[in-house]
């Protein structure tokens, strides 16, 4: 259903941004924001 599908997308968004932030703070990365 729509609320579960969009919820999964928000989790994926939070995860991809959180992984980038975690990598940028703990270790150096050459990926652009």
ModelCIF file with pLDDT and N, C-alpha, C, O atoms, coordinates in Angstrom:
data_MODEL
#
_entry.id   MODEL 
#
_entity.id                         1 
_entity.type                       polymer 
_entity.pdbx_number_of_molecules   1 
#
_entity_poly.entity_id                      1 
_entity_poly.type                           'polypeptide(L)' 
_entity_poly.nstd_linkage                   no 
_entity_poly.nstd_monomer                   no 
_entity_poly.pdbx_seq_one_letter_code       
;(UNK)(UNK)(UNK)(UNK)(UNK)(UNK)(UNK)(UNK)(UNK)(UNK)(UNK)(UNK)(UNK)(UNK)(UNK)(UNK)
(UNK)(UNK)(UNK)(UNK)(UNK)(UNK)(UNK)(UNK)(UNK)(UNK)(UNK)(UNK)(UNK)(UNK)(UNK)(UNK)
(UNK)
;
_entity_poly.pdbx_seq_one_letter_code_can   XXXXXXXXXXXXXXXXXXXXXXXXXXXXXXXXX 
_entity_poly.pdbx_strand_id                 A 
#
loop_
_entity_poly_seq.entity_id 
_entity_poly_seq.num 
_entity_poly_seq.mon_id 
_entity_poly_seq.hetero 
1 1  UNK n 
1 2  UNK n 
1 3  UNK n 
1 4  UNK n 
1 5  UNK n 
1 6  UNK n 
1 7  UNK n 
1 8  UNK n 
1 9  UNK n 
1 10 UNK n 
1 11 UNK n 
1 12 UNK n 
1 13 UNK n 
1 14 UNK n 
1 15 UNK n 
1 16 UNK n 
1 17 UNK n 
1 18 UNK n 
1 19 UNK n 
1 20 UNK n 
1 21 UNK n 
1 22 UNK n 
1 23 UNK n 
1 24 UNK n 
1 25 UNK n 
1 26 UNK n 
1 27 UNK n 
1 28 UNK n 
1 29 UNK n 
1 30 UNK n 
1 31 UNK n 
1 32 UNK n 
1 33 UNK n 
#
_struct_asym.id          A 
_struct_asym.entity_id   1 
#
loop_
_ma_qa_metric.id 
_ma_qa_metric.mode 
_ma_qa_metric.name 
_ma_qa_metric.software_group_id 
_ma_qa_metric.type 
1 global pLDDT . pLDDT 
2 local  pLDDT . pLDDT 
#
_ma_qa_metric_global.metric_id      1 
_ma_qa_metric_global.metric_value   81.21 
_ma_qa_metric_global.model_id       1 
_ma_qa_metric_global.ordinal_id     1 
#
loop_
_ma_qa_metric_local.label_asym_id 
_ma_qa_metric_local.label_comp_id 
_ma_qa_metric_local.label_seq_id 
_ma_qa_metric_local.metric_id 
_ma_qa_metric_local.metric_value 
_ma_qa_metric_local.model_id 
_ma_qa_metric_local.ordinal_id 
A UNK 1  2 85.00 1 1  
A UNK 2  2 84.00 1 2  
A UNK 3  2 86.00 1 3  
A UNK 4  2 86.00 1 4  
A UNK 5  2 84.00 1 5  
A UNK 6  2 87.00 1 6  
A UNK 7  2 88.00 1 7  
A UNK 8  2 86.00 1 8  
A UNK 9  2 86.00 1 9  
A UNK 10 2 90.00 1 10 
A UNK 11 2 89.00 1 11 
A UNK 12 2 86.00 1 12 
A UNK 13 2 89.00 1 13 
A UNK 14 2 89.00 1 14 
A UNK 15 2 86.00 1 15 
A UNK 16 2 86.00 1 16 
A UNK 17 2 87.00 1 17 
A UNK 18 2 85.00 1 18 
A UNK 19 2 82.00 1 19 
A UNK 20 2 82.00 1 20 
A UNK 21 2 83.00 1 21 
A UNK 22 2 81.00 1 22 
A UNK 23 2 79.00 1 23 
A UNK 24 2 77.00 1 24 
A UNK 25 2 77.00 1 25 
A UNK 26 2 74.00 1 26 
A UNK 27 2 70.00 1 27 
A UNK 28 2 65.00 1 28 
A UNK 29 2 63.00 1 29 
A UNK 30 2 66.00 1 30 
A UNK 31 2 70.00 1 31 
A UNK 32 2 75.00 1 32 
A UNK 33 2 77.00 1 33 
#
loop_
_atom_site.group_PDB 
_atom_site.id 
_atom_site.type_symbol 
_atom_site.label_atom_id 
_atom_site.label_alt_id 
_atom_site.label_comp_id 
_atom_site.label_asym_id 
_atom_site.label_entity_id 
_atom_site.label_seq_id 
_atom_site.pdbx_PDB_ins_code 
_atom_site.Cartn_x 
_atom_site.Cartn_y 
_atom_site.Cartn_z 
_atom_site.occupancy 
_atom_site.B_iso_or_equiv 
_atom_site.pdbx_formal_charge 
_atom_site.auth_seq_id 
_atom_site.auth_comp_id 
_atom_site.auth_asym_id 
_atom_site.auth_atom_id 
_atom_site.pdbx_PDB_model_num 
ATOM 1   N N  . UNK A 1 1  ? 0.837  -1.214 0.000  1.00 85.00 ? 1  UNK A N  1 
ATOM 2   C CA . UNK A 1 1  ? 0.000  0.000  0.000  1.00 85.00 ? 1  UNK A CA 1 
ATOM 3   C C  . UNK A 1 1  ? 0.865  1.254  0.000  1.00 85.00 ? 1  UNK A C  1 
ATOM 4   O O  . UNK A 1 1  ? 2.053  1.191  0.317  1.00 85.00 ? 1  UNK A O  1 
ATOM 5   N N  . UNK A 1 2  ? 0.279  2.386  -0.352 1.00 84.00 ? 2  UNK A N  1 
ATOM 6   C CA . UNK A 1 2  ? 1.031  3.627  -0.580 1.00 84.00 ? 2  UNK A CA 1 
ATOM 7   C C  . UNK A 1 2  ? 1.847  4.035  0.644  1.00 84.00 ? 2  UNK A C  1 
ATOM 8   O O  . UNK A 1 2  ? 3.012  4.409  0.503  1.00 84.00 ? 2  UNK A O  1 
ATOM 9   N N  . UNK A 1 3  ? 1.269  3.974  1.830  1.00 86.00 ? 3  UNK A N  1 
ATOM 10  C CA . UNK A 1 3  ? 1.999  4.443  3.011  1.00 86.00 ? 3  UNK A CA 1 
ATOM 11  C C  . UNK A 1 3  ? 3.205  3.560  3.311  1.00 86.00 ? 3  UNK A C  1 
ATOM 12  O O  . UNK A 1 3  ? 4.236  4.064  3.756  1.00 86.00 ? 3  UNK A O  1 
ATOM 13  N N  . UNK A 1 4  ? 3.100  2.260  3.078  1.00 86.00 ? 4  UNK A N  1 
ATOM 14  C CA . UNK A 1 4  ? 4.240  1.371  3.313  1.00 86.00 ? 4  UNK A CA 1 
ATOM 15  C C  . UNK A 1 4  ? 5.304  1.560  2.231  1.00 86.00 ? 4  UNK A C  1 
ATOM 16  O O  . UNK A 1 4  ? 6.498  1.535  2.530  1.00 86.00 ? 4  UNK A O  1 
ATOM 17  N N  . UNK A 1 5  ? 4.885  1.749  0.980  1.00 84.00 ? 5  UNK A N  1 
ATOM 18  C CA . UNK A 1 5  ? 5.846  1.950  -0.110 1.00 84.00 ? 5  UNK A CA 1 
ATOM 19  C C  . UNK A 1 5  ? 6.636  3.228  0.062  1.00 84.00 ? 5  UNK A C  1 
ATOM 20  O O  . UNK A 1 5  ? 7.858  3.234  -0.083 1.00 84.00 ? 5  UNK A O  1 
ATOM 21  N N  . UNK A 1 6  ? 5.926  4.337  0.379  1.00 87.00 ? 6  UNK A N  1 
ATOM 22  C CA . UNK A 1 6  ? 6.628  5.596  0.603  1.00 87.00 ? 6  UNK A CA 1 
ATOM 23  C C  . UNK A 1 6  ? 7.476  5.527  1.874  1.00 87.00 ? 6  UNK A C  1 
ATOM 24  O O  . UNK A 1 6  ? 8.532  6.154  1.950  1.00 87.00 ? 6  UNK A O  1 
ATOM 25  N N  . UNK A 1 7  ? 7.017  4.769  2.869  1.00 88.00 ? 7  UNK A N  1 
ATOM 26  C CA . UNK A 1 7  ? 7.830  4.597  4.080  1.00 88.00 ? 7  UNK A CA 1 
ATOM 27  C C  . UNK A 1 7  ? 9.139  3.896  3.780  1.00 88.00 ? 7  UNK A C  1 
ATOM 28  O O  . UNK A 1 7  ? 10.185 4.276  4.305  1.00 88.00 ? 7  UNK A O  1 
ATOM 29  N N  . UNK A 1 8  ? 9.085  2.847  2.914  1.00 86.00 ? 8  UNK A N  1 
ATOM 30  C CA . UNK A 1 8  ? 10.317 2.153  2.529  1.00 86.00 ? 8  UNK A CA 1 
ATOM 31  C C  . UNK A 1 8  ? 11.256 3.097  1.779  1.00 86.00 ? 8  UNK A C  1 
ATOM 32  O O  . UNK A 1 8  ? 12.470 3.049  1.975  1.00 86.00 ? 8  UNK A O  1 
ATOM 33  N N  . UNK A 1 9  ? 10.686 3.974  0.903  1.00 86.00 ? 9  UNK A N  1 
ATOM 34  C CA . UNK A 1 9  ? 11.513 4.933  0.169  1.00 86.00 ? 9  UNK A CA 1 
ATOM 35  C C  . UNK A 1 9  ? 12.172 5.928  1.124  1.00 86.00 ? 9  UNK A C  1 
ATOM 36  O O  . UNK A 1 9  ? 13.341 6.270  0.948  1.00 86.00 ? 9  UNK A O  1 
ATOM 37  N N  . UNK A 1 10 ? 11.430 6.395  2.135  1.00 90.00 ? 10 UNK A N  1 
ATOM 38  C CA . UNK A 1 10 ? 12.017 7.327  3.111  1.00 90.00 ? 10 UNK A CA 1 
ATOM 39  C C  . UNK A 1 10 ? 13.122 6.663  3.917  1.00 90.00 ? 10 UNK A C  1 
ATOM 40  O O  . UNK A 1 10 ? 14.128 7.296  4.237  1.00 90.00 ? 10 UNK A O  1 
ATOM 41  N N  . UNK A 1 11 ? 12.939 5.384  4.246  1.00 89.00 ? 11 UNK A N  1 
ATOM 42  C CA . UNK A 1 11 ? 14.005 4.668  4.949  1.00 89.00 ? 11 UNK A CA 1 
ATOM 43  C C  . UNK A 1 11 ? 15.245 4.573  4.070  1.00 89.00 ? 11 UNK A C  1 
ATOM 44  O O  . UNK A 1 11 ? 16.369 4.744  4.542  1.00 89.00 ? 11 UNK A O  1 
ATOM 45  N N  . UNK A 1 12 ? 15.024 4.291  2.762  1.00 86.00 ? 12 UNK A N  1 
ATOM 46  C CA . UNK A 1 12 ? 16.163 4.224  1.844  1.00 86.00 ? 12 UNK A CA 1 
ATOM 47  C C  . UNK A 1 12 ? 16.852 5.575  1.726  1.00 86.00 ? 12 UNK A C  1 
ATOM 48  O O  . UNK A 1 12 ? 18.081 5.637  1.683  1.00 86.00 ? 12 UNK A O  1 
ATOM 49  N N  . UNK A 1 13 ? 16.075 6.669  1.674  1.00 89.00 ? 13 UNK A N  1 
ATOM 50  C CA . UNK A 1 13 ? 16.654 8.019  1.603  1.00 89.00 ? 13 UNK A CA 1 
ATOM 51  C C  . UNK A 1 13 ? 17.466 8.309  2.863  1.00 89.00 ? 13 UNK A C  1 
ATOM 52  O O  . UNK A 1 13 ? 18.598 8.789  2.801  1.00 89.00 ? 13 UNK A O  1 
ATOM 53  N N  . UNK A 1 14 ? 16.849 8.002  4.018  1.00 89.00 ? 14 UNK A N  1 
ATOM 54  C CA . UNK A 1 14 ? 17.575 8.240  5.279  1.00 89.00 ? 14 UNK A CA 1 
ATOM 55  C C  . UNK A 1 14 ? 18.836 7.394  5.340  1.00 89.00 ? 14 UNK A C  1 
ATOM 56  O O  . UNK A 1 14 ? 19.870 7.849  5.831  1.00 89.00 ? 14 UNK A O  1 
ATOM 57  N N  . UNK A 1 15 ? 18.757 6.185  4.854  1.00 86.00 ? 15 UNK A N  1 
ATOM 58  C CA . UNK A 1 15 ? 19.923 5.306  4.884  1.00 86.00 ? 15 UNK A CA 1 
ATOM 59  C C  . UNK A 1 15 ? 21.034 5.778  3.978  1.00 86.00 ? 15 UNK A C  1 
ATOM 60  O O  . UNK A 1 15 ? 22.195 5.757  4.386  1.00 86.00 ? 15 UNK A O  1 
ATOM 61  N N  . UNK A 1 16 ? 20.724 6.210  2.742  1.00 86.00 ? 16 UNK A N  1 
ATOM 62  C CA . UNK A 1 16 ? 21.768 6.617  1.799  1.00 86.00 ? 16 UNK A CA 1 
ATOM 63  C C  . UNK A 1 16 ? 22.425 7.914  2.258  1.00 86.00 ? 16 UNK A C  1 
ATOM 64  O O  . UNK A 1 16 ? 23.636 8.088  2.116  1.00 86.00 ? 16 UNK A O  1 
ATOM 65  N N  . UNK A 1 17 ? 21.604 8.842  2.820  1.00 87.00 ? 17 UNK A N  1 
ATOM 66  C CA . UNK A 1 17 ? 22.178 10.096 3.326  1.00 87.00 ? 17 UNK A CA 1 
ATOM 67  C C  . UNK A 1 17 ? 22.950 9.828  4.611  1.00 87.00 ? 17 UNK A C  1 
ATOM 68  O O  . UNK A 1 17 ? 24.020 10.397 4.825  1.00 87.00 ? 17 UNK A O  1 
ATOM 69  N N  . UNK A 1 18 ? 22.410 8.965  5.467  1.00 85.00 ? 18 UNK A N  1 
ATOM 70  C CA . UNK A 1 18 ? 23.105 8.650  6.712  1.00 85.00 ? 18 UNK A CA 1 
ATOM 71  C C  . UNK A 1 18 ? 24.425 7.961  6.463  1.00 85.00 ? 18 UNK A C  1 
ATOM 72  O O  . UNK A 1 18 ? 25.403 8.229  7.161  1.00 85.00 ? 18 UNK A O  1 
ATOM 73  N N  . UNK A 1 19 ? 24.475 7.068  5.471  1.00 82.00 ? 19 UNK A N  1 
ATOM 74  C CA . UNK A 1 19 ? 25.737 6.380  5.154  1.00 82.00 ? 19 UNK A CA 1 
ATOM 75  C C  . UNK A 1 19 ? 26.764 7.385  4.656  1.00 82.00 ? 19 UNK A C  1 
ATOM 76  O O  . UNK A 1 19 ? 27.938 7.303  5.016  1.00 82.00 ? 19 UNK A O  1 
ATOM 77  N N  . UNK A 1 20 ? 26.323 8.350  3.818  1.00 82.00 ? 20 UNK A N  1 
ATOM 78  C CA . UNK A 1 20 ? 27.245 9.370  3.312  1.00 82.00 ? 20 UNK A CA 1 
ATOM 79  C C  . UNK A 1 20 ? 27.770 10.216 4.473  1.00 82.00 ? 20 UNK A C  1 
ATOM 80  O O  . UNK A 1 20 ? 28.965 10.501 4.556  1.00 82.00 ? 20 UNK A O  1 
ATOM 81  N N  . UNK A 1 21 ? 26.857 10.614 5.369  1.00 83.00 ? 21 UNK A N  1 
ATOM 82  C CA . UNK A 1 21 ? 27.298 11.453 6.500  1.00 83.00 ? 21 UNK A CA 1 
ATOM 83  C C  . UNK A 1 21 ? 28.245 10.677 7.413  1.00 83.00 ? 21 UNK A C  1 
ATOM 84  O O  . UNK A 1 21 ? 29.242 11.226 7.883  1.00 83.00 ? 21 UNK A O  1 
ATOM 85  N N  . UNK A 1 22 ? 27.940 9.406  7.665  1.00 81.00 ? 22 UNK A N  1 
ATOM 86  C CA . UNK A 1 22 ? 28.805 8.583  8.511  1.00 81.00 ? 22 UNK A CA 1 
ATOM 87  C C  . UNK A 1 22 ? 30.207 8.455  7.898  1.00 81.00 ? 22 UNK A C  1 
ATOM 88  O O  . UNK A 1 22 ? 31.217 8.565  8.593  1.00 81.00 ? 22 UNK A O  1 
ATOM 89  N N  . UNK A 1 23 ? 30.239 8.222  6.595  1.00 79.00 ? 23 UNK A N  1 
ATOM 90  C CA . UNK A 1 23 ? 31.527 8.084  5.913  1.00 79.00 ? 23 UNK A CA 1 
ATOM 91  C C  . UNK A 1 23 ? 32.301 9.400  5.927  1.00 79.00 ? 23 UNK A C  1 
ATOM 92  O O  . UNK A 1 23 ? 33.512 9.417  6.146  1.00 79.00 ? 23 UNK A O  1 
ATOM 93  N N  . UNK A 1 24 ? 31.585 10.505 5.689  1.00 77.00 ? 24 UNK A N  1 
ATOM 94  C CA . UNK A 1 24 ? 32.259 11.808 5.648  1.00 77.00 ? 24 UNK A CA 1 
ATOM 95  C C  . UNK A 1 24 ? 32.808 12.206 7.000  1.00 77.00 ? 24 UNK A C  1 
ATOM 96  O O  . UNK A 1 24 ? 33.855 12.850 7.064  1.00 77.00 ? 24 UNK A O  1 
ATOM 97  N N  . UNK A 1 25 ? 32.141 11.848 8.085  1.00 77.00 ? 25 UNK A N  1 
ATOM 98  C CA . UNK A 1 25 ? 32.598 12.231 9.412  1.00 77.00 ? 25 UNK A CA 1 
ATOM 99  C C  . UNK A 1 25 ? 33.718 11.340 9.919  1.00 77.00 ? 25 UNK A C  1 
ATOM 100 O O  . UNK A 1 25 ? 34.658 11.825 10.549 1.00 77.00 ? 25 UNK A O  1 
ATOM 101 N N  . UNK A 1 26 ? 33.630 10.044 9.652  1.00 74.00 ? 26 UNK A N  1 
ATOM 102 C CA . UNK A 1 26 ? 34.607 9.105  10.200 1.00 74.00 ? 26 UNK A CA 1 
ATOM 103 C C  . UNK A 1 26 ? 35.785 8.919  9.269  1.00 74.00 ? 26 UNK A C  1 
ATOM 104 O O  . UNK A 1 26 ? 36.923 8.799  9.722  1.00 74.00 ? 26 UNK A O  1 
ATOM 105 N N  . UNK A 1 27 ? 35.531 8.896  7.994  1.00 70.00 ? 27 UNK A N  1 
ATOM 106 C CA . UNK A 1 27 ? 36.578 8.596  7.031  1.00 70.00 ? 27 UNK A CA 1 
ATOM 107 C C  . UNK A 1 27 ? 36.465 9.575  5.873  1.00 70.00 ? 27 UNK A C  1 
ATOM 108 O O  . UNK A 1 27 ? 35.393 10.129 5.627  1.00 70.00 ? 27 UNK A O  1 
ATOM 109 N N  . UNK A 1 28 ? 37.545 9.787  5.175  1.00 65.00 ? 28 UNK A N  1 
ATOM 110 C CA . UNK A 1 28 ? 37.520 10.681 4.024  1.00 65.00 ? 28 UNK A CA 1 
ATOM 111 C C  . UNK A 1 28 ? 36.837 9.978  2.844  1.00 65.00 ? 28 UNK A C  1 
ATOM 112 O O  . UNK A 1 28 ? 36.932 8.760  2.697  1.00 65.00 ? 28 UNK A O  1 
ATOM 113 N N  . UNK A 1 29 ? 36.137 10.774 1.995  1.00 63.00 ? 29 UNK A N  1 
ATOM 114 C CA . UNK A 1 29 ? 35.474 10.245 0.808  1.00 63.00 ? 29 UNK A CA 1 
ATOM 115 C C  . UNK A 1 29 ? 35.592 11.237 -0.318 1.00 63.00 ? 29 UNK A C  1 
ATOM 116 O O  . UNK A 1 29 ? 35.591 12.449 -0.105 1.00 63.00 ? 29 UNK A O  1 
ATOM 117 N N  . UNK A 1 30 ? 35.696 10.701 -1.533 1.00 66.00 ? 30 UNK A N  1 
ATOM 118 C CA . UNK A 1 30 ? 35.773 11.566 -2.705 1.00 66.00 ? 30 UNK A CA 1 
ATOM 119 C C  . UNK A 1 30 ? 34.414 11.752 -3.376 1.00 66.00 ? 30 UNK A C  1 
ATOM 120 O O  . UNK A 1 30 ? 34.329 12.358 -4.444 1.00 66.00 ? 30 UNK A O  1 
ATOM 121 N N  . UNK A 1 31 ? 33.342 11.231 -2.753 1.00 70.00 ? 31 UNK A N  1 
ATOM 122 C CA . UNK A 1 31 ? 31.986 11.366 -3.322 1.00 70.00 ? 31 UNK A CA 1 
ATOM 123 C C  . UNK A 1 31 ? 31.455 12.761 -3.010 1.00 70.00 ? 31 UNK A C  1 
ATOM 124 O O  . UNK A 1 31 ? 31.691 13.313 -1.935 1.00 70.00 ? 31 UNK A O  1 
ATOM 125 N N  . UNK A 1 32 ? 30.726 13.315 -3.988 1.00 75.00 ? 32 UNK A N  1 
ATOM 126 C CA . UNK A 1 32 ? 30.121 14.626 -3.816 1.00 75.00 ? 32 UNK A CA 1 
ATOM 127 C C  . UNK A 1 32 ? 28.804 14.462 -3.048 1.00 75.00 ? 32 UNK A C  1 
ATOM 128 O O  . UNK A 1 32 ? 28.150 13.423 -3.140 1.00 75.00 ? 32 UNK A O  1 
ATOM 129 N N  . UNK A 1 33 ? 28.423 15.500 -2.290 1.00 77.00 ? 33 UNK A N  1 
ATOM 130 C CA . UNK A 1 33 ? 27.180 15.453 -1.540 1.00 77.00 ? 33 UNK A CA 1 
ATOM 131 C C  . UNK A 1 33 ? 25.970 15.390 -2.454 1.00 77.00 ? 33 UNK A C  1 
ATOM 132 O O  . UNK A 1 33 ? 24.836 15.345 -1.976 1.00 77.00 ? 33 UNK A O  1 
#
